[in-house]
């Protein structure tokens, strides 16, 4: 075989291999993009959940709500003589 034929065969092989490489990289990009979209969706869900829980916490700890519940339970504020400070270890 002539040198020219070998060059054409090698060039064709290089074109085919680079085509397969492009296909592989494109598929990897699609997979990573899908993973990114799933992670972003999860992030938005968790941010919404966090906001909802923060609102719920602030609702449960409102002072007027705490005062109403403590009054329903006949609780009273401790006098200064009833307060004990426990030292930390």
Protein backbone atom coordinates (compact mmCIF):
# COMPACT_ATOMS: atom_id res chain seq x y z
CA UNK A 1 0.00 0.00 0.00
CA UNK A 2 1.08 3.46 -0.70
CA UNK A 3 1.88 6.08 1.89
CA UNK A 4 -1.03 8.19 0.69
CA UNK A 5 -3.52 5.37 1.37
CA UNK A 6 -2.16 4.88 4.90
CA UNK A 7 -2.52 8.59 5.57
CA UNK A 8 -6.15 8.55 4.40
CA UNK A 9 -6.93 5.50 6.54
CA UNK A 10 -5.32 7.06 9.62
CA UNK A 11 -7.14 10.34 9.00
CA UNK A 12 -10.49 8.54 8.65
CA UNK A 13 -9.80 6.59 11.84
CA UNK A 14 -8.94 9.81 13.68
CA UNK A 15 -12.18 11.43 12.47
CA UNK A 16 -14.26 8.45 13.63
CA UNK A 17 -12.53 8.32 17.02
CA UNK A 18 -12.94 12.06 17.57
CA UNK A 19 -16.63 11.68 16.67
CA UNK A 20 -17.02 9.01 19.34
CA UNK A 21 -15.19 11.25 21.81
CA UNK A 22 -17.59 14.11 21.05
CA UNK A 23 -20.57 11.80 21.56
CA UNK A 24 -19.16 10.62 24.91
CA UNK A 25 -18.47 14.12 26.17
CA UNK A 26 -21.93 15.27 25.05
CA UNK A 27 -23.55 12.43 27.01
CA UNK A 28 -21.47 13.23 30.09
CA UNK A 29 -22.53 16.87 29.82
CA UNK A 30 -26.19 15.83 29.64
CA UNK A 31 -25.80 13.62 32.71
CA UNK A 32 -24.08 16.34 34.73
CA UNK A 33 -26.68 18.90 33.65
CA UNK A 34 -29.46 16.56 34.78
CA UNK A 35 -27.75 16.10 38.15
CA UNK A 36 -27.40 19.87 38.49
CA UNK A 37 -31.09 20.40 37.77
CA UNK A 38 -32.06 17.78 40.35
CA UNK A 39 -29.77 19.41 42.94
CA UNK A 40 -31.17 22.88 42.19
CA UNK A 41 -34.72 21.57 42.49
CA UNK A 42 -33.87 20.01 45.85
CA UNK A 43 -32.23 23.27 46.95
CA UNK A 44 -35.39 25.25 46.12
CA UNK A 45 -37.53 22.71 47.97
CA UNK A 46 -35.30 22.89 51.04
CA UNK A 47 -35.29 26.70 50.99
CA UNK A 48 -39.09 26.73 50.85
CA UNK A 49 -39.28 24.19 53.66
CA UNK A 50 -36.81 26.21 55.74
CA UNK A 51 -38.86 29.38 55.27
CA UNK A 52 -42.05 27.56 56.20
CA UNK A 53 -40.48 26.08 59.33
CA UNK A 54 -39.04 29.44 60.35
CA UNK A 55 -42.48 31.01 60.02
CA UNK A 56 -43.98 28.15 62.04
CA UNK A 57 -41.35 28.59 64.76
CA UNK A 58 -41.96 32.32 64.98
CA UNK A 59 -45.69 31.64 65.26
CA UNK A 60 -45.21 29.17 68.11
CA UNK A 61 -42.88 31.47 70.03
CA UNK A 62 -44.95 34.65 69.82
CA UNK A 63 -45.10 36.15 73.32
CA UNK A 64 -48.87 36.73 73.28
CA UNK A 65 -49.37 33.05 72.39
CA UNK A 66 -47.03 31.96 75.18
CA UNK A 67 -48.85 34.30 77.60
CA UNK A 68 -52.24 32.88 76.59
CA UNK A 69 -51.11 29.28 77.02
CA UNK A 70 -49.44 29.98 80.36
CA UNK A 71 -52.60 31.75 81.58
CA UNK A 72 -54.70 28.75 80.49
CA UNK A 73 -52.40 26.53 82.56
CA UNK A 74 -52.65 28.88 85.57
CA UNK A 75 -48.92 29.58 85.43
CA UNK A 76 -47.47 32.68 87.03
CA UNK A 77 -44.09 34.37 86.77
CA UNK A 78 -41.58 33.29 89.39
CA UNK A 79 -40.78 35.75 92.12
CA UNK A 80 -37.12 36.75 92.58
CA UNK A 81 -36.87 34.53 95.67
CA UNK A 82 -38.01 31.50 93.65
CA UNK A 83 -35.37 31.94 90.95
CA UNK A 84 -32.31 29.70 91.29
CA UNK A 85 -29.17 30.11 89.22
CA UNK A 86 -27.37 26.84 88.62
CA UNK A 87 -23.66 27.27 87.88
CA UNK A 88 -22.37 25.55 84.79
CA UNK A 89 -19.62 22.99 85.16
